[in-house]
PDB file of all heavy atoms in Angstrom:
ATOM      1  N   TYR A   1    -195.922 -75.729 -73.581  1.00  0.00           N
ATOM      2  CA  TYR A   1    -196.586 -76.940 -73.143  1.00  0.00           C
ATOM      3  C   TYR A   1    -195.927 -78.168 -73.746  1.00  0.00           C
ATOM      4  O   TYR A   1    -195.345 -78.122 -74.829  1.00  0.00           O
ATOM      5  CB  TYR A   1    -198.055 -76.940 -73.567  1.00  0.00           C
ATOM      6  CG  TYR A   1    -198.832 -75.744 -73.104  1.00  0.00           C
ATOM      7  CD1 TYR A   1    -198.994 -74.632 -73.929  1.00  0.00           C
ATOM      8  CD2 TYR A   1    -199.417 -75.716 -71.841  1.00  0.00           C
ATOM      9  CE1 TYR A   1    -199.712 -73.529 -73.508  1.00  0.00           C
ATOM     10  CE2 TYR A   1    -200.134 -74.618 -71.404  1.00  0.00           C
ATOM     11  CZ  TYR A   1    -200.283 -73.526 -72.246  1.00  0.00           C
ATOM     12  OH  TYR A   1    -200.997 -72.427 -71.828  1.00  0.00           O
ATOM     13  N   LEU A   2    -196.056 -79.265 -73.054  1.00  0.00           N
ATOM     14  CA  LEU A   2    -195.697 -80.557 -73.600  1.00  0.00           C
ATOM     15  C   LEU A   2    -196.867 -81.500 -73.356  1.00  0.00           C
ATOM     16  O   LEU A   2    -197.107 -81.916 -72.220  1.00  0.00           O
ATOM     17  CB  LEU A   2    -194.424 -81.112 -72.966  1.00  0.00           C
ATOM     18  CG  LEU A   2    -193.915 -82.421 -73.572  1.00  0.00           C
ATOM     19  CD1 LEU A   2    -193.414 -82.189 -75.002  1.00  0.00           C
ATOM     20  CD2 LEU A   2    -192.814 -83.036 -72.715  1.00  0.00           C
ATOM     21  N   GLN A   3    -197.598 -81.792 -74.413  1.00  0.00           N
ATOM     22  CA  GLN A   3    -198.687 -82.751 -74.342  1.00  0.00           C
ATOM     23  C   GLN A   3    -198.120 -84.140 -74.562  1.00  0.00           C
ATOM     24  O   GLN A   3    -197.517 -84.409 -75.607  1.00  0.00           O
ATOM     25  CB  GLN A   3    -199.747 -82.438 -75.397  1.00  0.00           C
ATOM     26  CG  GLN A   3    -200.910 -83.421 -75.419  1.00  0.00           C
ATOM     27  CD  GLN A   3    -201.756 -83.349 -74.179  1.00  0.00           C
ATOM     28  OE1 GLN A   3    -202.106 -82.268 -73.720  1.00  0.00           O
ATOM     29  NE2 GLN A   3    -202.083 -84.504 -73.612  1.00  0.00           N
ATOM     30  N   MET A   4    -198.311 -85.015 -73.600  1.00  0.00           N
ATOM     31  CA  MET A   4    -197.748 -86.356 -73.638  1.00  0.00           C
ATOM     32  C   MET A   4    -198.888 -87.362 -73.673  1.00  0.00           C
ATOM     33  O   MET A   4    -199.664 -87.460 -72.718  1.00  0.00           O
ATOM     34  CB  MET A   4    -196.845 -86.602 -72.434  1.00  0.00           C
ATOM     35  CG  MET A   4    -195.734 -85.571 -72.285  1.00  0.00           C
ATOM     36  SD  MET A   4    -194.584 -85.977 -70.938  1.00  0.00           S
ATOM     37  CE  MET A   4    -195.684 -85.790 -69.528  1.00  0.00           C
ATOM     38  N   ASN A   5    -198.977 -88.094 -74.756  1.00  0.00           N
ATOM     39  CA  ASN A   5    -199.996 -89.116 -74.928  1.00  0.00           C
ATOM     40  C   ASN A   5    -199.348 -90.487 -75.030  1.00  0.00           C
ATOM     41  O   ASN A   5    -198.156 -90.611 -75.289  1.00  0.00           O
ATOM     42  CB  ASN A   5    -200.823 -88.843 -76.186  1.00  0.00           C
ATOM     43  CG  ASN A   5    -201.573 -87.536 -76.141  1.00  0.00           C
ATOM     44  OD1 ASN A   5    -202.028 -87.104 -75.081  1.00  0.00           O
ATOM     45  ND2 ASN A   5    -201.722 -86.892 -77.294  1.00  0.00           N
ATOM     46  N   SER A   6    -200.155 -91.509 -74.842  1.00  0.00           N
ATOM     47  CA  SER A   6    -199.679 -92.894 -74.945  1.00  0.00           C
ATOM     48  C   SER A   6    -198.425 -93.112 -74.116  1.00  0.00           C
ATOM     49  O   SER A   6    -197.435 -93.682 -74.576  1.00  0.00           O
ATOM     50  CB  SER A   6    -199.429 -93.255 -76.414  1.00  0.00           C
ATOM     51  OG  SER A   6    -200.604 -93.112 -77.184  1.00  0.00           O
ATOM     52  N   LEU A   7    -198.471 -92.669 -72.889  1.00  0.00           N
ATOM     53  CA  LEU A   7    -197.291 -92.718 -72.032  1.00  0.00           C
ATOM     54  C   LEU A   7    -196.884 -94.154 -71.724  1.00  0.00           C
ATOM     55  O   LEU A   7    -197.724 -95.040 -71.570  1.00  0.00           O
ATOM     56  CB  LEU A   7    -197.546 -91.951 -70.745  1.00  0.00           C
ATOM     57  CG  LEU A   7    -197.452 -90.433 -70.892  1.00  0.00           C
ATOM     58  CD1 LEU A   7    -198.115 -89.735 -69.725  1.00  0.00           C
ATOM     59  CD2 LEU A   7    -195.981 -90.015 -71.008  1.00  0.00           C
ATOM     60  N   LYS A   8    -195.578 -94.332 -71.624  1.00  0.00           N
ATOM     61  CA  LYS A   8    -194.973 -95.621 -71.331  1.00  0.00           C
ATOM     62  C   LYS A   8    -194.166 -95.527 -70.048  1.00  0.00           C
ATOM     63  O   LYS A   8    -193.705 -94.448 -69.679  1.00  0.00           O
ATOM     64  CB  LYS A   8    -194.046 -96.042 -72.474  1.00  0.00           C
ATOM     65  CG  LYS A   8    -194.690 -96.071 -73.844  1.00  0.00           C
ATOM     66  CD  LYS A   8    -193.647 -96.359 -74.915  1.00  0.00           C
ATOM     67  CE  LYS A   8    -194.267 -96.375 -76.297  1.00  0.00           C
ATOM     68  NZ  LYS A   8    -193.241 -96.632 -77.342  1.00  0.00           N
ATOM     69  N   PRO A   9    -193.956 -96.646 -69.358  1.00  0.00           N
ATOM     70  CA  PRO A   9    -193.093 -96.608 -68.175  1.00  0.00           C
ATOM     71  C   PRO A   9    -191.709 -96.026 -68.462  1.00  0.00           C
ATOM     72  O   PRO A   9    -191.121 -95.391 -67.577  1.00  0.00           O
ATOM     73  CB  PRO A   9    -193.015 -98.076 -67.756  1.00  0.00           C
ATOM     74  CG  PRO A   9    -194.306 -98.655 -68.216  1.00  0.00           C
ATOM     75  CD  PRO A   9    -194.596 -97.960 -69.523  1.00  0.00           C
ATOM     76  N   GLU A  10    -191.210 -96.218 -69.668  1.00  0.00           N
ATOM     77  CA  GLU A  10    -189.908 -95.689 -70.048  1.00  0.00           C
ATOM     78  C   GLU A  10    -189.877 -94.168 -70.093  1.00  0.00           C
ATOM     79  O   GLU A  10    -188.798 -93.571 -70.158  1.00  0.00           O
ATOM     80  CB  GLU A  10    -189.485 -96.228 -71.419  1.00  0.00           C
ATOM     81  CG  GLU A  10    -189.449 -97.745 -71.505  1.00  0.00           C
ATOM     82  CD  GLU A  10    -190.802 -98.326 -71.875  1.00  0.00           C
ATOM     83  OE1 GLU A  10    -191.138 -98.331 -73.072  1.00  0.00           O
ATOM     84  OE2 GLU A  10    -191.512 -98.794 -70.960  1.00  0.00           O
ATOM     85  N   ASP A  11    -191.034 -93.522 -70.071  1.00  0.00           N
ATOM     86  CA  ASP A  11    -191.105 -92.066 -70.040  1.00  0.00           C
ATOM     87  C   ASP A  11    -190.918 -91.503 -68.638  1.00  0.00           C
ATOM     88  O   ASP A  11    -190.843 -90.282 -68.476  1.00  0.00           O
ATOM     89  CB  ASP A  11    -192.446 -91.579 -70.595  1.00  0.00           C
ATOM     90  CG  ASP A  11    -192.641 -91.933 -72.059  1.00  0.00           C
ATOM     91  OD1 ASP A  11    -191.679 -91.774 -72.841  1.00  0.00           O
ATOM     92  OD2 ASP A  11    -193.749 -92.364 -72.418  1.00  0.00           O
ATOM     93  N   THR A  12    -190.864 -92.354 -67.640  1.00  0.00           N
ATOM     94  CA  THR A  12    -190.708 -91.904 -66.263  1.00  0.00           C
ATOM     95  C   THR A  12    -189.388 -91.160 -66.094  1.00  0.00           C
ATOM     96  O   THR A  12    -188.323 -91.687 -66.414  1.00  0.00           O
ATOM     97  CB  THR A  12    -190.762 -93.091 -65.303  1.00  0.00           C
ATOM     98  OG1 THR A  12    -192.058 -93.688 -65.354  1.00  0.00           O
ATOM     99  CG2 THR A  12    -190.487 -92.647 -63.873  1.00  0.00           C
ATOM    100  N   ALA A  13    -189.465 -89.932 -65.606  1.00  0.00           N
ATOM    101  CA  ALA A  13    -188.286 -89.091 -65.451  1.00  0.00           C
ATOM    102  C   ALA A  13    -188.707 -87.771 -64.831  1.00  0.00           C
ATOM    103  O   ALA A  13    -189.901 -87.471 -64.710  1.00  0.00           O
ATOM    104  CB  ALA A  13    -187.611 -88.836 -66.801  1.00  0.00           C
ATOM    105  N   VAL A  14    -187.720 -86.984 -64.466  1.00  0.00           N
ATOM    106  CA  VAL A  14    -187.952 -85.582 -64.152  1.00  0.00           C
ATOM    107  C   VAL A  14    -187.858 -84.809 -65.455  1.00  0.00           C
ATOM    108  O   VAL A  14    -186.881 -84.935 -66.194  1.00  0.00           O
ATOM    109  CB  VAL A  14    -186.941 -85.040 -63.132  1.00  0.00           C
ATOM    110  CG1 VAL A  14    -187.162 -83.549 -62.901  1.00  0.00           C
ATOM    111  CG2 VAL A  14    -187.058 -85.798 -61.816  1.00  0.00           C
ATOM    112  N   TYR A  15    -188.866 -84.029 -65.750  1.00  0.00           N
ATOM    113  CA  TYR A  15    -188.924 -83.259 -66.980  1.00  0.00           C
ATOM    114  C   TYR A  15    -188.581 -81.802 -66.696  1.00  0.00           C
ATOM    115  O   TYR A  15    -189.124 -81.195 -65.771  1.00  0.00           O
ATOM    116  CB  TYR A  15    -190.310 -83.360 -67.610  1.00  0.00           C
ATOM    117  CG  TYR A  15    -190.530 -84.672 -68.315  1.00  0.00           C
ATOM    118  CD1 TYR A  15    -190.654 -85.850 -67.593  1.00  0.00           C
ATOM    119  CD2 TYR A  15    -190.588 -84.736 -69.708  1.00  0.00           C
ATOM    120  CE1 TYR A  15    -190.830 -87.066 -68.238  1.00  0.00           C
ATOM    121  CE2 TYR A  15    -190.773 -85.944 -70.352  1.00  0.00           C
ATOM    122  CZ  TYR A  15    -190.890 -87.100 -69.621  1.00  0.00           C
ATOM    123  OH  TYR A  15    -191.068 -88.301 -70.263  1.00  0.00           O
ATOM    124  N   TYR A  16    -187.682 -81.270 -67.515  1.00  0.00           N
ATOM    125  CA  TYR A  16    -187.197 -79.912 -67.351  1.00  0.00           C
ATOM    126  C   TYR A  16    -187.552 -79.060 -68.562  1.00  0.00           C
ATOM    127  O   TYR A  16    -187.383 -79.493 -69.703  1.00  0.00           O
ATOM    128  CB  TYR A  16    -185.674 -79.891 -67.182  1.00  0.00           C
ATOM    129  CG  TYR A  16    -185.173 -80.591 -65.949  1.00  0.00           C
ATOM    130  CD1 TYR A  16    -184.834 -81.937 -65.979  1.00  0.00           C
ATOM    131  CD2 TYR A  16    -185.033 -79.900 -64.754  1.00  0.00           C
ATOM    132  CE1 TYR A  16    -184.361 -82.584 -64.854  1.00  0.00           C
ATOM    133  CE2 TYR A  16    -184.559 -80.538 -63.623  1.00  0.00           C
ATOM    134  CZ  TYR A  16    -184.221 -81.876 -63.679  1.00  0.00           C
ATOM    135  OH  TYR A  16    -183.749 -82.513 -62.564  1.00  0.00           O
ATOM    136  N   CYS A  17    -187.979 -77.869 -68.306  1.00  0.00           N
ATOM    137  CA  CYS A  17    -188.182 -76.860 -69.324  1.00  0.00           C
ATOM    138  C   CYS A  17    -186.919 -76.014 -69.426  1.00  0.00           C
ATOM    139  O   CYS A  17    -186.288 -75.700 -68.413  1.00  0.00           O
ATOM    140  CB  CYS A  17    -189.385 -75.995 -68.953  1.00  0.00           C
ATOM    141  SG  CYS A  17    -189.736 -74.625 -70.060  1.00  0.00           S
ATOM    142  N   ALA A  18    -186.541 -75.642 -70.640  1.00  0.00           N
ATOM    143  CA  ALA A  18    -185.332 -74.869 -70.853  1.00  0.00           C
ATOM    144  C   ALA A  18    -185.549 -73.837 -71.951  1.00  0.00           C
ATOM    145  O   ALA A  18    -186.365 -74.037 -72.849  1.00  0.00           O
ATOM    146  CB  ALA A  18    -184.161 -75.784 -71.229  1.00  0.00           C
ATOM    147  N   GLY A  19    -184.788 -72.746 -71.873  1.00  0.00           N
ATOM    148  CA  GLY A  19    -184.881 -71.699 -72.869  1.00  0.00           C
ATOM    149  C   GLY A  19    -183.515 -71.242 -73.340  1.00  0.00           C
ATOM    150  O   GLY A  19    -182.529 -71.345 -72.608  1.00  0.00           O
ATOM    151  N   LYS A  20    -183.468 -70.735 -74.552  1.00  0.00           N
ATOM    152  CA  LYS A  20    -182.234 -70.225 -75.119  1.00  0.00           C
ATOM    153  C   LYS A  20    -182.521 -69.149 -76.139  1.00  0.00           C
ATOM    154  O   LYS A  20    -183.597 -69.127 -76.749  1.00  0.00           O
ATOM    155  CB  LYS A  20    -181.427 -71.351 -75.788  1.00  0.00           C
ATOM    156  CG  LYS A  20    -182.103 -71.935 -77.011  1.00  0.00           C
ATOM    157  CD  LYS A  20    -181.311 -73.080 -77.639  1.00  0.00           C
ATOM    158  CE  LYS A  20    -179.989 -72.625 -78.219  1.00  0.00           C
ATOM    159  NZ  LYS A  20    -180.157 -71.747 -79.402  1.00  0.00           N
ATOM    160  N   THR A  21    -181.564 -68.264 -76.326  1.00  0.00           N
ATOM    161  CA  THR A  21    -181.651 -67.339 -77.446  1.00  0.00           C
ATOM    162  C   THR A  21    -181.283 -68.079 -78.714  1.00  0.00           C
ATOM    163  O   THR A  21    -180.612 -69.111 -78.687  1.00  0.00           O
ATOM    164  CB  THR A  21    -180.723 -66.139 -77.233  1.00  0.00           C
ATOM    165  OG1 THR A  21    -179.382 -66.608 -77.013  1.00  0.00           O
ATOM    166  CG2 THR A  21    -181.160 -65.328 -76.027  1.00  0.00           C
ATOM    167  N   GLY A  22    -181.723 -67.555 -79.834  1.00  0.00           N
ATOM    168  CA  GLY A  22    -181.471 -68.224 -81.084  1.00  0.00           C
ATOM    169  C   GLY A  22    -182.441 -69.366 -81.322  1.00  0.00           C
ATOM    170  O   GLY A  22    -183.474 -69.482 -80.662  1.00  0.00           O
ATOM    171  N   GLY A  23    -182.099 -70.212 -82.254  1.00  0.00           N
ATOM    172  CA  GLY A  23    -182.975 -71.280 -82.683  1.00  0.00           C
ATOM    173  C   GLY A  23    -182.842 -72.554 -81.883  1.00  0.00           C
ATOM    174  O   GLY A  23    -182.132 -72.634 -80.882  1.00  0.00           O
ATOM    175  N   ILE A  24    -183.540 -73.574 -82.365  1.00  0.00           N
ATOM    176  CA  ILE A  24    -183.609 -74.864 -81.690  1.00  0.00           C
ATOM    177  C   ILE A  24    -182.232 -75.503 -81.545  1.00  0.00           C
ATOM    178  O   ILE A  24    -181.393 -75.433 -82.440  1.00  0.00           O
ATOM    179  CB  ILE A  24    -184.542 -75.806 -82.476  1.00  0.00           C
ATOM    180  CG1 ILE A  24    -186.001 -75.400 -82.292  1.00  0.00           C
ATOM    181  CG2 ILE A  24    -184.329 -77.249 -82.077  1.00  0.00           C
ATOM    182  CD1 ILE A  24    -186.962 -76.176 -83.173  1.00  0.00           C
ATOM    183  N   ALA A  25    -182.017 -76.135 -80.401  1.00  0.00           N
ATOM    184  CA  ALA A  25    -180.848 -76.962 -80.168  1.00  0.00           C
ATOM    185  C   ALA A  25    -181.288 -78.200 -79.413  1.00  0.00           C
ATOM    186  O   ALA A  25    -182.280 -78.174 -78.679  1.00  0.00           O
ATOM    187  CB  ALA A  25    -179.782 -76.215 -79.384  1.00  0.00           C
ATOM    188  N   THR A  26    -180.560 -79.292 -79.590  1.00  0.00           N
ATOM    189  CA  THR A  26    -180.889 -80.541 -78.919  1.00  0.00           C
ATOM    190  C   THR A  26    -179.924 -80.894 -77.807  1.00  0.00           C
ATOM    191  O   THR A  26    -180.127 -81.896 -77.125  1.00  0.00           O
ATOM    192  CB  THR A  26    -180.946 -81.699 -79.926  1.00  0.00           C
ATOM    193  OG1 THR A  26    -179.674 -81.832 -80.588  1.00  0.00           O
ATOM    194  CG2 THR A  26    -182.022 -81.445 -80.985  1.00  0.00           C
ATOM    195  N   MET A  27    -178.888 -80.114 -77.610  1.00  0.00           N
ATOM    196  CA  MET A  27    -177.927 -80.362 -76.548  1.00  0.00           C
ATOM    197  C   MET A  27    -178.253 -79.503 -75.338  1.00  0.00           C
ATOM    198  O   MET A  27    -178.509 -78.311 -75.483  1.00  0.00           O
ATOM    199  CB  MET A  27    -176.509 -80.075 -77.023  1.00  0.00           C
ATOM    200  CG  MET A  27    -176.041 -80.969 -78.156  1.00  0.00           C
ATOM    201  SD  MET A  27    -174.325 -80.642 -78.620  1.00  0.00           S
ATOM    202  CE  MET A  27    -174.472 -78.966 -79.236  1.00  0.00           C
ATOM    203  N   PRO A  28    -178.232 -80.074 -74.141  1.00  0.00           N
ATOM    204  CA  PRO A  28    -178.524 -79.278 -72.944  1.00  0.00           C
ATOM    205  C   PRO A  28    -177.643 -78.050 -72.791  1.00  0.00           C
ATOM    206  O   PRO A  28    -178.120 -77.009 -72.327  1.00  0.00           O
ATOM    207  CB  PRO A  28    -178.298 -80.271 -71.800  1.00  0.00           C
ATOM    208  CG  PRO A  28    -178.552 -81.612 -72.411  1.00  0.00           C
ATOM    209  CD  PRO A  28    -178.050 -81.504 -73.816  1.00  0.00           C
ATOM    210  N   LEU A  29    -176.377 -78.147 -73.177  1.00  0.00           N
ATOM    211  CA  LEU A  29    -175.462 -77.025 -73.006  1.00  0.00           C
ATOM    212  C   LEU A  29    -175.831 -75.836 -73.879  1.00  0.00           C
ATOM    213  O   LEU A  29    -175.325 -74.741 -73.665  1.00  0.00           O
ATOM    214  CB  LEU A  29    -174.026 -77.456 -73.283  1.00  0.00           C
ATOM    215  CG  LEU A  29    -173.382 -78.355 -72.234  1.00  0.00           C
ATOM    216  CD1 LEU A  29    -171.995 -78.773 -72.677  1.00  0.00           C
ATOM    217  CD2 LEU A  29    -173.321 -77.634 -70.890  1.00  0.00           C
ATOM    218  N   GLY A  30    -176.693 -76.018 -74.849  1.00  0.00           N
ATOM    219  CA  GLY A  30    -177.128 -74.918 -75.684  1.00  0.00           C
ATOM    220  C   GLY A  30    -178.154 -74.009 -75.038  1.00  0.00           C
ATOM    221  O   GLY A  30    -178.450 -72.951 -75.591  1.00  0.00           O
ATOM    222  N   TYR A  31    -178.678 -74.407 -73.894  1.00  0.00           N
ATOM    223  CA  TYR A  31    -179.747 -73.662 -73.238  1.00  0.00           C
ATOM    224  C   TYR A  31    -179.231 -72.860 -72.052  1.00  0.00           C
ATOM    225  O   TYR A  31    -178.404 -73.334 -71.276  1.00  0.00           O
ATOM    226  CB  TYR A  31    -180.863 -74.612 -72.808  1.00  0.00           C
ATOM    227  CG  TYR A  31    -181.624 -75.135 -73.995  1.00  0.00           C
ATOM    228  CD1 TYR A  31    -181.122 -76.184 -74.760  1.00  0.00           C
ATOM    229  CD2 TYR A  31    -182.827 -74.560 -74.380  1.00  0.00           C
ATOM    230  CE1 TYR A  31    -181.796 -76.639 -75.878  1.00  0.00           C
ATOM    231  CE2 TYR A  31    -183.513 -75.015 -75.487  1.00  0.00           C
ATOM    232  CZ  TYR A  31    -182.995 -76.050 -76.233  1.00  0.00           C
ATOM    233  OH  TYR A  31    -183.668 -76.510 -77.340  1.00  0.00           O
ATOM    234  N   ASN A  32    -179.758 -71.662 -71.913  1.00  0.00           N
ATOM    235  CA  ASN A  32    -179.287 -70.720 -70.908  1.00  0.00           C
ATOM    236  C   ASN A  32    -180.105 -70.741 -69.622  1.00  0.00           C
ATOM    237  O   ASN A  32    -179.582 -70.422 -68.547  1.00  0.00           O
ATOM    238  CB  ASN A  32    -179.316 -69.301 -71.472  1.00  0.00           C
ATOM    239  CG  ASN A  32    -178.569 -69.171 -72.777  1.00  0.00           C
ATOM    240  OD1 ASN A  32    -179.176 -69.017 -73.839  1.00  0.00           O
ATOM    241  ND2 ASN A  32    -177.246 -69.242 -72.705  1.00  0.00           N
ATOM    242  N   TYR A  33    -181.374 -71.077 -69.722  1.00  0.00           N
ATOM    243  CA  TYR A  33    -182.282 -71.008 -68.582  1.00  0.00           C
ATOM    244  C   TYR A  33    -182.986 -72.335 -68.399  1.00  0.00           C
ATOM    245  O   TYR A  33    -183.396 -72.977 -69.372  1.00  0.00           O
ATOM    246  CB  TYR A  33    -183.312 -69.895 -68.783  1.00  0.00           C
ATOM    247  CG  TYR A  33    -182.689 -68.533 -68.956  1.00  0.00           C
ATOM    248  CD1 TYR A  33    -182.509 -67.986 -70.220  1.00  0.00           C
ATOM    249  CD2 TYR A  33    -182.263 -67.799 -67.854  1.00  0.00           C
ATOM    250  CE1 TYR A  33    -181.924 -66.745 -70.385  1.00  0.00           C
ATOM    251  CE2 TYR A  33    -181.676 -66.556 -68.011  1.00  0.00           C
ATOM    252  CZ  TYR A  33    -181.511 -66.034 -69.282  1.00  0.00           C
ATOM    253  OH  TYR A  33    -180.925 -64.798 -69.443  1.00  0.00           O
ATOM    254  N   TRP A  34    -183.158 -72.719 -67.130  1.00  0.00           N
ATOM    255  CA  TRP A  34    -183.752 -74.005 -66.790  1.00  0.00           C
ATOM    256  C   TRP A  34    -184.762 -73.865 -65.669  1.00  0.00           C
ATOM    257  O   TRP A  34    -184.573 -73.083 -64.736  1.00  0.00           O
ATOM    258  CB  TRP A  34    -182.674 -74.997 -66.350  1.00  0.00           C
ATOM    259  CG  TRP A  34    -181.760 -75.387 -67.457  1.00  0.00           C
ATOM    260  CD1 TRP A  34    -180.647 -74.723 -67.877  1.00  0.00           C
ATOM    261  CD2 TRP A  34    -181.886 -76.533 -68.296  1.00  0.00           C
ATOM    262  NE1 TRP A  34    -180.073 -75.388 -68.930  1.00  0.00           N
ATOM    263  CE2 TRP A  34    -180.804 -76.494 -69.207  1.00  0.00           C
ATOM    264  CE3 TRP A  34    -182.802 -77.588 -68.364  1.00  0.00           C
ATOM    265  CZ2 TRP A  34    -180.623 -77.480 -70.179  1.00  0.00           C
ATOM    266  CZ3 TRP A  34    -182.624 -78.564 -69.326  1.00  0.00           C
ATOM    267  CH2 TRP A  34    -181.538 -78.501 -70.222  1.00  0.00           C
TER     268      TRP A  34
END
């Protein structure tokens, strides 16, 4: 889940869920499934 509070116009976007083996990564290329 992603709980989003106090939303701002700058938050407007398409939001994607992604998964990967191993630990957390912040780069999109680190994720295997979208």
